[in-house]
Amino acid sequence: MTVQAILAPDFAQIFLTFALLFWTGHKRLSALRSGGTKGCELSLGQRDWPAPAQQAANTFANQFEIPVLFYVLVGFAMATRKADLLFVVLAWVFVATRFLHARIYLTTNHVPSRFRAFTAGTLVLLAMWIVFAVRIFLAPAGV
C-alpha cells in the first residue's frame, strides 16, 4: 500500500478532530455572547455550558480517547510494513464510525445509537490490533 493510502484515514480522523475543536469554540463563543453562561465559573473549569456547547466539547474530548490507539496502530503498521488493503479498509471503517459517532453526539445525542457507533468503531479497531499482532508474531524471524 502507498503511504498516501495508509495515511488518508488518519488525516480524515485528524480533520474531524480539528473540525470539532472549531465547532466547540463556535458553540462556546455563541453561549458567551448570548449570556447563557456564568463567565467567571467557566474560567474555573466548571461544566456550566449550555447543552449544545457541552455536547460539542464532549465530542471533541472523545477524539482523544479510542482514536489514540488508532494513531499508534497506524504508526506501528507503517513502521513494520504491515499495512495492506485490509488494514486500509478497516481504518476507513473505523474513521467512518467516528464521524457517525460525532454526528449523533452533536445532533440527536440518542445514546443507544451513539453507543452502537462507538462499539462498532471500537470492535473494528480491536480487530485491526489483533490482525496486526498476529502478523507481527507470525512473521519470519528477523523480518
Protein backbone atom coordinates (compact mmCIF):
# COMPACT_ATOMS: atom_id res chain seq x y z
CA MET A 1 0.00 0.00 0.00
CA THR A 2 1.12 3.53 -0.62
CA VAL A 3 1.88 5.92 2.20
CA GLN A 4 -0.95 8.14 0.98
CA ALA A 5 -3.48 5.27 1.13
CA ILE A 6 -2.37 4.32 4.62
CA LEU A 7 -2.39 7.88 5.96
CA ALA A 8 -5.61 9.08 4.29
CA PRO A 9 -7.91 7.71 7.03
CA ASP A 10 -5.53 9.10 9.63
CA PHE A 11 -5.78 12.55 8.05
CA ALA A 12 -9.58 12.23 7.94
CA GLN A 13 -9.63 11.46 11.68
CA ILE A 14 -7.35 14.44 12.33
CA PHE A 15 -9.60 16.65 10.21
CA LEU A 16 -12.59 15.51 12.29
CA THR A 17 -10.74 16.40 15.49
CA PHE A 18 -9.87 19.91 14.30
CA ALA A 19 -13.39 20.45 12.94
CA LEU A 20 -14.81 19.52 16.35
CA LEU A 21 -12.34 21.85 18.07
CA PHE A 22 -13.53 24.77 15.95
CA TRP A 23 -17.18 23.76 16.39
CA THR A 24 -16.67 23.69 20.17
CA GLY A 25 -15.15 27.17 20.06
CA HIS A 26 -18.05 28.43 17.96
CA LYS A 27 -20.65 26.96 20.34
CA ARG A 28 -18.88 28.32 23.41
CA LEU A 29 -18.50 31.82 21.95
CA SER A 30 -22.17 31.77 20.95
CA ALA A 31 -23.12 30.80 24.50
CA LEU A 32 -20.97 33.56 25.98
CA ARG A 33 -22.40 36.17 23.60
CA SER A 34 -25.97 35.15 24.35
CA GLY A 35 -25.37 35.48 28.10
CA GLY A 36 -26.38 31.89 28.78
CA THR A 37 -23.31 31.19 30.90
CA LYS A 38 -21.63 32.38 34.06
CA GLY A 39 -18.26 33.52 32.72
CA CYS A 40 -16.31 33.54 35.98
CA GLU A 41 -17.35 29.98 36.82
CA LEU A 42 -16.41 28.79 33.35
CA SER A 43 -12.88 30.06 33.78
CA LEU A 44 -12.55 27.73 36.76
CA GLY A 45 -13.28 24.72 34.58
CA GLN A 46 -16.88 24.29 35.68
CA ARG A 47 -19.13 22.40 33.26
CA ASP A 48 -21.74 25.11 33.23
CA TRP A 49 -22.12 25.40 29.47
CA PRO A 50 -25.47 25.12 27.70
CA ALA A 51 -26.12 21.64 26.28
CA PRO A 52 -25.04 22.35 22.65
CA ALA A 53 -21.69 23.78 23.80
CA GLN A 54 -21.13 20.89 26.21
CA GLN A 55 -22.08 18.32 23.57
CA ALA A 56 -19.50 19.84 21.21
CA ALA A 57 -16.85 19.83 23.94
CA ASN A 58 -17.62 16.21 24.86
CA THR A 59 -17.48 15.16 21.22
CA PHE A 60 -14.12 16.89 20.81
CA ALA A 61 -12.78 15.27 24.00
CA ASN A 62 -13.83 11.84 22.70
CA GLN A 63 -11.30 12.23 19.88
CA PHE A 64 -8.50 11.82 22.45
CA GLU A 65 -9.73 8.51 23.81
CA ILE A 66 -10.12 5.48 21.47
CA PRO A 67 -8.66 7.28 18.41
CA VAL A 68 -5.29 7.50 20.20
CA LEU A 69 -5.00 3.72 19.80
CA PHE A 70 -5.77 4.18 16.10
CA TYR A 71 -2.96 6.72 15.65
CA VAL A 72 -0.48 4.43 17.41
CA LEU A 73 -1.52 1.47 15.28
CA VAL A 74 -1.14 3.41 12.03
CA GLY A 75 2.39 4.38 13.04
CA PHE A 76 3.30 0.83 14.02
CA ALA A 77 1.78 -0.64 10.85
CA MET A 78 3.72 1.78 8.68
CA ALA A 79 6.99 1.25 10.53
CA THR A 80 6.69 -2.53 10.26
CA ARG A 81 5.26 -2.51 6.73
CA LYS A 82 2.20 -4.44 7.85
CA ALA A 83 -0.38 -2.05 6.39
CA ASP A 84 -2.13 -3.66 3.45
CA LEU A 85 -5.51 -3.30 1.74
CA LEU A 86 -7.33 -4.96 4.65
CA PHE A 87 -5.66 -2.53 7.06
CA VAL A 88 -6.67 0.49 4.98
CA VAL A 89 -10.27 -0.71 4.56
CA LEU A 90 -10.61 -1.33 8.28
CA ALA A 91 -9.04 2.06 9.01
CA TRP A 92 -11.66 3.75 6.82
CA VAL A 93 -14.44 1.83 8.55
CA PHE A 94 -13.09 2.93 11.93
CA VAL A 95 -12.94 6.57 10.84
CA ALA A 96 -16.46 6.35 9.38
CA THR A 97 -17.74 5.15 12.75
CA ARG A 98 -16.01 8.09 14.44
CA PHE A 99 -17.71 10.54 12.06
CA LEU A 100 -21.04 8.81 12.70
CA HIS A 101 -20.48 8.88 16.46
CA ALA A 102 -19.68 12.61 16.31
CA ARG A 103 -22.72 13.33 14.12
CA ILE A 104 -25.04 11.52 16.53
CA TYR A 105 -23.45 13.24 19.53
CA LEU A 106 -23.87 16.70 18.01
CA THR A 107 -27.41 16.23 16.71
CA THR A 108 -29.90 13.88 18.36
CA ASN A 109 -27.48 12.61 21.01
CA HIS A 110 -29.54 9.42 21.03
CA VAL A 111 -27.44 7.38 23.47
CA PRO A 112 -28.28 3.89 22.13
CA SER A 113 -27.35 4.96 18.57
CA ARG A 114 -24.25 6.73 19.79
CA PHE A 115 -23.25 3.64 21.78
CA ARG A 116 -23.71 1.41 18.73
CA ALA A 117 -21.47 3.68 16.63
CA PHE A 118 -18.87 3.76 19.40
CA THR A 119 -18.99 -0.01 19.88
CA ALA A 120 -18.72 -0.70 16.15
CA GLY A 121 -15.66 1.52 15.87
CA THR A 122 -14.06 0.02 18.94
CA LEU A 123 -14.59 -3.52 17.64
CA VAL A 124 -13.12 -2.59 14.25
CA LEU A 125 -10.10 -1.09 15.98
CA LEU A 126 -9.74 -4.19 18.15
CA ALA A 127 -9.84 -6.35 15.02
CA MET A 128 -7.15 -4.16 13.45
CA TRP A 129 -4.93 -4.63 16.51
CA ILE A 130 -5.50 -8.40 16.52
CA VAL A 131 -4.69 -8.73 12.82
CA PHE A 132 -1.60 -6.58 13.30
CA ALA A 133 -0.42 -8.59 16.32
CA VAL A 134 -0.92 -11.89 14.51
CA ARG A 135 1.05 -10.61 11.53
CA ILE A 136 3.88 -9.40 13.77
CA PHE A 137 4.14 -12.59 15.78
CA LEU A 138 3.74 -14.94 12.82
CA ALA A 139 6.26 -13.09 10.66
CA PRO A 140 9.52 -14.95 10.00
CA ALA A 141 12.24 -14.07 12.49
CA GLY A 142 14.35 -11.09 11.51
CA VAL A 143 11.74 -9.57 9.15
